[in-house]
C-alpha atoms as a PDB file:
ATOM      1  CA  MET A   1     -25.094  -4.596 -16.120  1.00  0.00           C
ATOM      2  CA  ARG A   2     -24.609  -8.275 -15.853  1.00  0.00           C
ATOM      3  CA  ARG A   3     -24.860 -10.170 -12.501  1.00  0.00           C
ATOM      4  CA  ARG A   4     -20.934 -11.153 -13.580  1.00  0.00           C
ATOM      5  CA  THR A   5     -19.896  -7.609 -13.884  1.00  0.00           C
ATOM      6  CA  ARG A   6     -21.852  -7.118 -10.487  1.00  0.00           C
ATOM      7  CA  SER A   7     -20.009  -9.808  -8.754  1.00  0.00           C
ATOM      8  CA  PHE A   8     -16.800  -8.309  -9.876  1.00  0.00           C
ATOM      9  CA  VAL A   9     -16.866  -4.647  -9.189  1.00  0.00           C
ATOM     10  CA  GLY A  10     -18.705  -5.536  -5.593  1.00  0.00           C
ATOM     11  CA  ALA A  11     -16.190  -7.839  -4.897  1.00  0.00           C
ATOM     12  CA  ILE A  12     -12.996  -5.090  -5.691  1.00  0.00           C
ATOM     13  CA  VAL A  13     -14.996  -2.990  -3.484  1.00  0.00           C
ATOM     14  CA  MET A  14     -15.388  -5.534  -0.632  1.00  0.00           C
ATOM     15  CA  ILE A  15     -11.454  -6.002  -0.951  1.00  0.00           C
ATOM     16  CA  ALA A  16     -11.174  -2.073  -0.571  1.00  0.00           C
ATOM     17  CA  PHE A  17     -13.843  -1.725   2.185  1.00  0.00           C
ATOM     18  CA  VAL A  18     -11.900  -4.500   4.381  1.00  0.00           C
ATOM     19  CA  LEU A  19      -8.464  -3.641   3.313  1.00  0.00           C
ATOM     20  CA  ILE A  20      -9.726  -0.127   5.358  1.00  0.00           C
ATOM     21  CA  TYR A  21     -11.899  -1.675   7.935  1.00  0.00           C
ATOM     22  CA  ALA A  22      -9.253  -3.973   9.164  1.00  0.00           C
ATOM     23  CA  PRO A  23      -6.352  -1.598  10.295  1.00  0.00           C
ATOM     24  CA  LEU A  24      -8.895   1.190  11.837  1.00  0.00           C
ATOM     25  CA  ALA A  25     -10.277  -1.964  13.852  1.00  0.00           C
ATOM     26  CA  MET A  26      -7.032  -3.016  14.702  1.00  0.00           C
ATOM     27  CA  ALA A  27      -6.163   0.360  15.744  1.00  0.00           C
ATOM     28  CA  LEU A  28      -8.964   0.774  18.079  1.00  0.00           C
ATOM     29  CA  ALA A  29      -8.826  -2.527  19.370  1.00  0.00           C
ATOM     30  CA  ASP A  30      -5.203  -1.702  20.204  1.00  0.00           C
ATOM     31  CA  SER A  31      -5.801   1.796  21.754  1.00  0.00           C
ATOM     32  CA  ARG A  32      -8.720   1.250  23.628  1.00  0.00           C
ATOM     33  CA  ILE A  33     -10.078  -2.202  23.809  1.00  0.00           C
ATOM     34  CA  ALA A  34      -6.994  -3.787  25.299  1.00  0.00           C
ATOM     35  CA  GLN A  35      -7.611  -1.341  28.502  1.00  0.00           C
ATOM     36  CA  THR A  36     -11.124  -3.062  29.282  1.00  0.00           C
ATOM     37  CA  PRO A  37     -11.743  -5.855  31.060  1.00  0.00           C
ATOM     38  CA  PRO A  38     -11.550  -9.127  29.394  1.00  0.00           C
ATOM     39  CA  LEU A  39     -15.631 -10.032  29.008  1.00  0.00           C
ATOM     40  CA  VAL A  40     -15.392  -6.739  27.757  1.00  0.00           C
ATOM     41  CA  GLN A  41     -12.927  -7.116  25.449  1.00  0.00           C
ATOM     42  CA  SER A  42     -14.875 -10.265  24.164  1.00  0.00           C
ATOM     43  CA  VAL A  43     -17.759  -8.441  23.442  1.00  0.00           C
ATOM     44  CA  LEU A  44     -15.911  -5.711  21.262  1.00  0.00           C
ATOM     45  CA  TYR A  45     -14.062  -8.023  19.303  1.00  0.00           C
ATOM     46  CA  ALA A  46     -17.012  -9.882  18.324  1.00  0.00           C
ATOM     47  CA  ILE A  47     -18.472  -6.681  17.582  1.00  0.00           C
ATOM     48  CA  LEU A  48     -15.847  -5.146  15.453  1.00  0.00           C
ATOM     49  CA  GLY A  49     -15.795  -8.806  13.592  1.00  0.00           C
ATOM     50  CA  ILE A  50     -19.298  -8.673  12.360  1.00  0.00           C
ATOM     51  CA  ALA A  51     -19.473  -4.903  11.887  1.00  0.00           C
ATOM     52  CA  TRP A  52     -17.943  -4.640   8.338  1.00  0.00           C
ATOM     53  CA  ILE A  53     -20.977  -6.627   7.115  1.00  0.00           C
ATOM     54  CA  PHE A  54     -23.502  -4.268   7.869  1.00  0.00           C
ATOM     55  CA  PRO A  55     -22.654  -1.546   5.532  1.00  0.00           C
ATOM     56  CA  LEU A  56     -21.680  -3.767   2.916  1.00  0.00           C
ATOM     57  CA  MET A  57     -25.125  -5.787   3.244  1.00  0.00           C
ATOM     58  CA  PRO A  58     -26.578  -3.286   0.044  1.00  0.00           C
ATOM     59  CA  LEU A  59     -23.549  -3.942  -2.035  1.00  0.00           C
ATOM     60  CA  ILE A  60     -24.058  -7.992  -1.691  1.00  0.00           C
ATOM     61  CA  ARG A  61     -27.578  -7.470  -2.186  1.00  0.00           C
ATOM     62  CA  TRP A  62     -26.933  -5.656  -5.414  1.00  0.00           C
ATOM     63  CA  MET A  63     -24.294  -8.014  -6.668  1.00  0.00           C
ATOM     64  CA  GLU A  64     -26.844 -10.825  -6.567  1.00  0.00           C
ATOM     65  CA  ARG A  65     -29.489  -9.584  -7.948  1.00  0.00           C
ATOM     66  CA  PRO A  66     -30.611 -11.230 -11.129  1.00  0.00           C
ATOM     67  CA  ASP A  67     -30.249  -9.780 -14.278  1.00  0.00           C
ATOM     68  CA  ARG A  68     -32.344  -7.832 -16.156  1.00  0.00           C
ATOM     69  CA  ASP A  69     -34.588  -9.432 -19.375  1.00  0.00           C
ATOM     70  CA  PRO A  70     -33.480  -7.382 -22.462  1.00  0.00           C
ATOM     71  CA  ALA A  71     -36.913  -7.358 -23.753  1.00  0.00           C
END
């Protein structure tokens, strides 16, 4: 698969993932995090804001892989 195609497929997968992750993170924040002290809230919001990157790192690496030579 060419890099351009991988980038397109990866972008679609990332958008789908974020569309699922964002409401789940918001529901968690609304139900559980809102009841914690402000300092804990800040840390948890930072964690939720960065946590989506880790499951997508293999996908990003796959997308950025160079094309193979058609030898």
